[in-house]
Amino acid sequence: QVQLVDAGGGLVQAGGSLRLSCAASGRTSSSETMGWFRQAPGKEREFVAVINWSGGGTYYAGSVKGRFTISRDIAKNTMYLQMNSLKPEDTAVYYCNACVGGYTYWGQGTQVTVSS
């Protein structure tokens, strides 16, 4: 079992920045990848970014590449998403997830609202 607690969302003006965090507990030593997804009102949940927990390799959705940076602190079992140059279309609930031993776990979500 893995428990994920994501935090750091809020209201920011367009062009601003936020940093999300995702604290993991449980069988985190077996984590394979961790990532961020988001879901805007009336839309399906979409992929944002992913990081290989051990190797640190990353991959981003085209819509956020160059603006968002995913990272992790292995000692703290915490993943981050630094979001810069935010746009109104980035408004969504952001969820972290972890893939561990063939299972996928989700955080509870944190709201990010970008005003124009």
N, C-alpha and C. Protein backbone atom coordinates (compact mmCIF):
# COMPACT_ATOMS: atom_id res chain seq x y z
N GLN A 1 0.84 -1.19 0.00
CA GLN A 1 0.00 0.00 0.00
C GLN A 1 0.87 1.25 0.00
N VAL A 2 0.46 2.22 -0.75
CA VAL A 2 1.14 3.51 -0.82
C VAL A 2 0.10 4.61 -0.56
N GLN A 3 0.45 5.54 0.28
CA GLN A 3 -0.41 6.69 0.52
C GLN A 3 0.26 7.93 -0.05
N LEU A 4 -0.51 8.72 -0.76
CA LEU A 4 0.00 9.94 -1.38
C LEU A 4 -0.80 11.14 -0.89
N VAL A 5 -0.09 12.18 -0.50
CA VAL A 5 -0.75 13.42 -0.08
C VAL A 5 -0.18 14.55 -0.92
N ASP A 6 -1.01 15.10 -1.78
CA ASP A 6 -0.54 16.20 -2.61
C ASP A 6 -1.04 17.53 -2.05
N ALA A 7 -0.23 18.56 -2.27
CA ALA A 7 -0.51 19.87 -1.71
C ALA A 7 0.19 20.95 -2.54
N GLY A 8 -0.15 22.19 -2.23
CA GLY A 8 0.55 23.31 -2.86
C GLY A 8 -0.26 24.09 -3.87
N GLY A 9 -1.47 23.66 -4.14
CA GLY A 9 -2.29 24.38 -5.08
C GLY A 9 -2.74 25.72 -4.53
N GLY A 10 -3.37 26.51 -5.38
CA GLY A 10 -3.86 27.82 -4.96
C GLY A 10 -4.30 28.64 -6.13
N LEU A 11 -4.52 29.92 -5.86
CA LEU A 11 -4.94 30.87 -6.88
C LEU A 11 -3.74 31.75 -7.25
N VAL A 12 -3.47 31.85 -8.53
CA VAL A 12 -2.34 32.64 -9.00
C VAL A 12 -2.72 33.35 -10.29
N GLN A 13 -2.11 34.49 -10.54
CA GLN A 13 -2.37 35.20 -11.78
C GLN A 13 -1.59 34.58 -12.93
N ALA A 14 -2.08 34.78 -14.12
CA ALA A 14 -1.39 34.29 -15.30
C ALA A 14 0.05 34.83 -15.32
N GLY A 15 0.98 33.94 -15.66
CA GLY A 15 2.39 34.29 -15.63
C GLY A 15 3.08 33.97 -14.33
N GLY A 16 2.30 33.63 -13.31
CA GLY A 16 2.85 33.34 -12.01
C GLY A 16 3.34 31.91 -11.89
N SER A 17 3.75 31.55 -10.67
CA SER A 17 4.33 30.23 -10.41
C SER A 17 3.70 29.60 -9.18
N LEU A 18 3.70 28.28 -9.17
CA LEU A 18 3.31 27.50 -8.00
C LEU A 18 4.19 26.26 -7.97
N ARG A 19 4.38 25.71 -6.76
CA ARG A 19 5.07 24.44 -6.63
C ARG A 19 4.18 23.47 -5.87
N LEU A 20 3.86 22.37 -6.53
CA LEU A 20 3.08 21.32 -5.91
C LEU A 20 4.02 20.29 -5.30
N SER A 21 3.55 19.64 -4.26
CA SER A 21 4.32 18.56 -3.65
C SER A 21 3.43 17.34 -3.48
N CYS A 22 4.06 16.18 -3.44
CA CYS A 22 3.35 14.92 -3.24
C CYS A 22 4.19 14.08 -2.29
N ALA A 23 3.73 13.96 -1.07
CA ALA A 23 4.44 13.18 -0.06
C ALA A 23 3.93 11.75 -0.08
N ALA A 24 4.85 10.81 -0.20
CA ALA A 24 4.48 9.40 -0.29
C ALA A 24 4.89 8.66 0.97
N SER A 25 4.07 7.71 1.38
CA SER A 25 4.38 6.83 2.51
C SER A 25 3.91 5.43 2.17
N GLY A 26 4.43 4.46 2.89
CA GLY A 26 4.09 3.07 2.61
C GLY A 26 5.20 2.41 1.83
N ARG A 27 4.87 1.58 0.85
CA ARG A 27 5.85 0.82 0.08
C ARG A 27 6.55 1.68 -0.97
N THR A 28 7.02 2.83 -0.57
CA THR A 28 7.61 3.73 -1.54
C THR A 28 8.93 3.24 -2.09
N SER A 29 9.61 2.36 -1.40
CA SER A 29 10.89 1.87 -1.90
C SER A 29 10.72 1.07 -3.16
N SER A 30 9.50 0.62 -3.44
CA SER A 30 9.25 -0.14 -4.65
C SER A 30 8.67 0.71 -5.76
N SER A 31 8.60 2.00 -5.55
CA SER A 31 8.00 2.88 -6.57
C SER A 31 8.78 2.79 -7.86
N GLU A 32 8.08 2.70 -8.93
CA GLU A 32 8.71 2.66 -10.24
C GLU A 32 8.70 4.03 -10.90
N THR A 33 7.52 4.59 -11.01
CA THR A 33 7.38 5.94 -11.53
C THR A 33 6.37 6.69 -10.68
N MET A 34 6.53 7.97 -10.66
CA MET A 34 5.54 8.86 -10.07
C MET A 34 5.25 9.96 -11.06
N GLY A 35 4.05 10.46 -11.00
CA GLY A 35 3.70 11.47 -11.99
C GLY A 35 2.59 12.39 -11.53
N TRP A 36 2.29 13.35 -12.39
CA TRP A 36 1.22 14.30 -12.16
C TRP A 36 0.23 14.22 -13.31
N PHE A 37 -1.04 14.27 -12.96
CA PHE A 37 -2.13 14.37 -13.90
C PHE A 37 -2.98 15.56 -13.47
N ARG A 38 -3.86 16.01 -14.36
CA ARG A 38 -4.77 17.09 -14.00
C ARG A 38 -6.10 16.88 -14.68
N GLN A 39 -7.12 17.45 -14.04
CA GLN A 39 -8.47 17.35 -14.58
C GLN A 39 -9.17 18.69 -14.45
N ALA A 40 -9.50 19.26 -15.59
CA ALA A 40 -10.22 20.52 -15.62
C ALA A 40 -11.72 20.23 -15.61
N PRO A 41 -12.54 21.20 -15.19
CA PRO A 41 -13.99 20.97 -15.17
C PRO A 41 -14.52 20.56 -16.53
N GLY A 42 -15.29 19.48 -16.55
CA GLY A 42 -15.90 19.01 -17.78
C GLY A 42 -14.97 18.28 -18.72
N LYS A 43 -13.74 18.06 -18.28
CA LYS A 43 -12.77 17.38 -19.14
C LYS A 43 -12.26 16.11 -18.48
N GLU A 44 -11.65 15.25 -19.28
CA GLU A 44 -11.08 14.03 -18.73
C GLU A 44 -9.72 14.34 -18.08
N ARG A 45 -9.35 13.46 -17.17
CA ARG A 45 -8.04 13.61 -16.54
C ARG A 45 -6.95 13.41 -17.60
N GLU A 46 -5.94 14.28 -17.57
CA GLU A 46 -4.89 14.19 -18.57
C GLU A 46 -3.52 14.14 -17.92
N PHE A 47 -2.60 13.55 -18.64
CA PHE A 47 -1.21 13.40 -18.19
C PHE A 47 -0.51 14.75 -18.23
N VAL A 48 0.33 14.99 -17.21
CA VAL A 48 1.12 16.23 -17.17
C VAL A 48 2.61 15.91 -17.26
N ALA A 49 3.10 15.07 -16.33
CA ALA A 49 4.53 14.78 -16.28
C ALA A 49 4.75 13.51 -15.48
N VAL A 50 5.89 12.86 -15.75
CA VAL A 50 6.23 11.63 -15.03
C VAL A 50 7.72 11.61 -14.76
N ILE A 51 8.11 10.96 -13.67
CA ILE A 51 9.52 10.83 -13.33
C ILE A 51 9.80 9.39 -12.90
N ASN A 52 10.91 8.85 -13.38
CA ASN A 52 11.36 7.55 -12.94
C ASN A 52 11.97 7.71 -11.56
N TRP A 53 11.43 7.00 -10.58
CA TRP A 53 11.81 7.28 -9.20
C TRP A 53 13.29 7.01 -8.93
N SER A 54 13.83 5.95 -9.49
CA SER A 54 15.22 5.62 -9.19
C SER A 54 16.19 6.37 -10.10
N GLY A 55 15.89 6.41 -11.40
CA GLY A 55 16.82 7.01 -12.33
C GLY A 55 16.66 8.51 -12.52
N GLY A 56 15.48 9.01 -12.24
CA GLY A 56 15.24 10.45 -12.37
C GLY A 56 14.87 10.92 -13.76
N GLY A 57 14.74 10.01 -14.71
CA GLY A 57 14.34 10.42 -16.04
C GLY A 57 12.93 11.00 -16.03
N THR A 58 12.69 11.98 -16.89
CA THR A 58 11.40 12.68 -16.89
C THR A 58 10.80 12.73 -18.28
N TYR A 59 9.49 12.96 -18.31
CA TYR A 59 8.78 13.13 -19.59
C TYR A 59 7.60 14.04 -19.32
N TYR A 60 7.32 14.94 -20.29
CA TYR A 60 6.28 15.94 -20.09
C TYR A 60 5.26 15.93 -21.23
N ALA A 61 4.06 16.34 -20.90
CA ALA A 61 3.08 16.62 -21.94
C ALA A 61 3.54 17.85 -22.71
N GLY A 62 3.21 17.88 -23.98
CA GLY A 62 3.64 18.99 -24.81
C GLY A 62 3.13 20.34 -24.33
N SER A 63 1.96 20.35 -23.72
CA SER A 63 1.36 21.61 -23.29
C SER A 63 2.08 22.26 -22.12
N VAL A 64 2.91 21.50 -21.40
CA VAL A 64 3.59 22.04 -20.23
C VAL A 64 5.11 22.02 -20.38
N LYS A 65 5.61 21.39 -21.40
CA LYS A 65 7.06 21.26 -21.57
C LYS A 65 7.69 22.64 -21.69
N GLY A 66 8.76 22.83 -20.93
CA GLY A 66 9.44 24.12 -20.91
C GLY A 66 8.91 25.07 -19.86
N ARG A 67 7.75 24.77 -19.29
CA ARG A 67 7.17 25.61 -18.23
C ARG A 67 7.13 24.89 -16.88
N PHE A 68 6.90 23.59 -16.91
CA PHE A 68 6.79 22.80 -15.68
C PHE A 68 8.05 21.93 -15.53
N THR A 69 8.43 21.69 -14.28
CA THR A 69 9.55 20.81 -13.98
C THR A 69 9.16 19.84 -12.88
N ILE A 70 9.29 18.56 -13.17
CA ILE A 70 9.01 17.52 -12.18
C ILE A 70 10.33 17.09 -11.55
N SER A 71 10.31 16.85 -10.25
CA SER A 71 11.52 16.42 -9.55
C SER A 71 11.12 15.58 -8.35
N ARG A 72 12.10 14.95 -7.73
CA ARG A 72 11.81 14.16 -6.54
C ARG A 72 12.97 14.22 -5.58
N ASP A 73 12.65 14.08 -4.29
CA ASP A 73 13.62 14.01 -3.23
C ASP A 73 13.46 12.62 -2.61
N ILE A 74 14.37 11.72 -2.96
CA ILE A 74 14.24 10.33 -2.52
C ILE A 74 14.28 10.23 -1.01
N ALA A 75 15.14 10.99 -0.37
CA ALA A 75 15.27 10.93 1.09
C ALA A 75 13.97 11.33 1.79
N LYS A 76 13.23 12.25 1.17
CA LYS A 76 11.98 12.72 1.77
C LYS A 76 10.76 12.01 1.21
N ASN A 77 10.98 11.09 0.25
CA ASN A 77 9.85 10.41 -0.40
C ASN A 77 8.83 11.41 -0.92
N THR A 78 9.31 12.45 -1.52
CA THR A 78 8.43 13.52 -1.98
C THR A 78 8.75 13.89 -3.42
N MET A 79 7.70 14.10 -4.17
CA MET A 79 7.80 14.53 -5.56
C MET A 79 7.28 15.95 -5.66
N TYR A 80 7.82 16.70 -6.60
CA TYR A 80 7.42 18.09 -6.77
C TYR A 80 7.05 18.37 -8.22
N LEU A 81 6.25 19.41 -8.40
CA LEU A 81 5.98 19.94 -9.73
C LEU A 81 6.10 21.45 -9.64
N GLN A 82 7.19 21.97 -10.20
CA GLN A 82 7.37 23.42 -10.27
C GLN A 82 6.68 23.91 -11.52
N MET A 83 5.73 24.80 -11.36
CA MET A 83 4.94 25.29 -12.48
C MET A 83 5.21 26.78 -12.65
N ASN A 84 5.79 27.15 -13.77
CA ASN A 84 6.10 28.54 -14.09
C ASN A 84 5.30 28.99 -15.30
N SER A 85 5.22 30.28 -15.49
CA SER A 85 4.50 30.86 -16.63
C SER A 85 3.11 30.26 -16.76
N LEU A 86 2.41 30.22 -15.67
CA LEU A 86 1.10 29.59 -15.66
C LEU A 86 0.11 30.34 -16.53
N LYS A 87 -0.78 29.57 -17.15
CA LYS A 87 -1.79 30.10 -18.05
C LYS A 87 -3.18 29.74 -17.50
N PRO A 88 -4.20 30.50 -17.87
CA PRO A 88 -5.55 30.15 -17.41
C PRO A 88 -5.94 28.72 -17.77
N GLU A 89 -5.45 28.22 -18.90
CA GLU A 89 -5.80 26.85 -19.30
C GLU A 89 -5.11 25.79 -18.45
N ASP A 90 -4.22 26.20 -17.55
CA ASP A 90 -3.62 25.26 -16.61
C ASP A 90 -4.54 25.03 -15.40
N THR A 91 -5.62 25.78 -15.31
CA THR A 91 -6.56 25.62 -14.20
C THR A 91 -7.14 24.21 -14.19
N ALA A 92 -7.00 23.53 -13.06
CA ALA A 92 -7.46 22.14 -12.94
C ALA A 92 -7.19 21.65 -11.52
N VAL A 93 -7.73 20.50 -11.21
CA VAL A 93 -7.30 19.77 -10.02
C VAL A 93 -6.13 18.89 -10.43
N TYR A 94 -5.04 19.02 -9.71
CA TYR A 94 -3.83 18.27 -10.02
C TYR A 94 -3.71 17.08 -9.07
N TYR A 95 -3.45 15.91 -9.64
CA TYR A 95 -3.34 14.68 -8.87
C TYR A 95 -1.95 14.08 -9.06
N CYS A 96 -1.36 13.64 -7.98
CA CYS A 96 -0.13 12.87 -8.14
C CYS A 96 -0.48 11.39 -8.16
N ASN A 97 0.38 10.60 -8.80
CA ASN A 97 0.16 9.18 -8.78
C ASN A 97 1.48 8.45 -8.69
N ALA A 98 1.40 7.20 -8.28
CA ALA A 98 2.58 6.35 -8.15
C ALA A 98 2.25 4.96 -8.67
N CYS A 99 3.17 4.40 -9.41
CA CYS A 99 3.05 3.04 -9.90
C CYS A 99 3.99 2.17 -9.08
N VAL A 100 3.41 1.21 -8.35
CA VAL A 100 4.18 0.37 -7.44
C VAL A 100 3.72 -1.07 -7.60
N GLY A 101 4.62 -1.92 -8.04
CA GLY A 101 4.32 -3.34 -8.13
C GLY A 101 3.09 -3.67 -8.94
N GLY A 102 2.87 -2.92 -10.01
CA GLY A 102 1.73 -3.19 -10.86
C GLY A 102 0.45 -2.49 -10.46
N TYR A 103 0.47 -1.79 -9.35
CA TYR A 103 -0.70 -1.04 -8.90
C TYR A 103 -0.44 0.46 -9.10
N THR A 104 -1.54 1.19 -9.25
CA THR A 104 -1.47 2.64 -9.39
C THR A 104 -2.20 3.28 -8.22
N TYR A 105 -1.56 4.22 -7.59
CA TYR A 105 -2.13 4.93 -6.45
C TYR A 105 -2.27 6.40 -6.80
N TRP A 106 -3.26 7.06 -6.18
CA TRP A 106 -3.54 8.47 -6.46
C TRP A 106 -3.60 9.28 -5.17
N GLY A 107 -3.16 10.53 -5.28
CA GLY A 107 -3.39 11.48 -4.22
C GLY A 107 -4.81 12.00 -4.28
N GLN A 108 -5.16 12.85 -3.32
CA GLN A 108 -6.53 13.34 -3.23
C GLN A 108 -6.78 14.53 -4.16
N GLY A 109 -5.73 15.11 -4.69
CA GLY A 109 -5.87 16.23 -5.61
C GLY A 109 -5.71 17.57 -4.92
N THR A 110 -5.18 18.53 -5.66
CA THR A 110 -5.02 19.89 -5.16
C THR A 110 -5.42 20.86 -6.28
N GLN A 111 -6.24 21.85 -5.94
CA GLN A 111 -6.79 22.75 -6.94
C GLN A 111 -5.78 23.84 -7.32
N VAL A 112 -5.60 24.02 -8.60
CA VAL A 112 -4.79 25.11 -9.13
C VAL A 112 -5.71 25.97 -9.99
N THR A 113 -5.80 27.25 -9.66
CA THR A 113 -6.61 28.19 -10.41
C THR A 113 -5.75 29.34 -10.89
N VAL A 114 -5.74 29.56 -12.19
CA VAL A 114 -4.94 30.63 -12.79
C VAL A 114 -5.89 31.66 -13.36
N SER A 115 -5.82 32.87 -12.85
CA SER A 115 -6.70 33.94 -13.31
C SER A 115 -6.03 34.73 -14.42
N SER A 116 -6.85 35.23 -15.32
CA SER A 116 -6.30 35.99 -16.46
C SER A 116 -6.19 37.46 -16.14
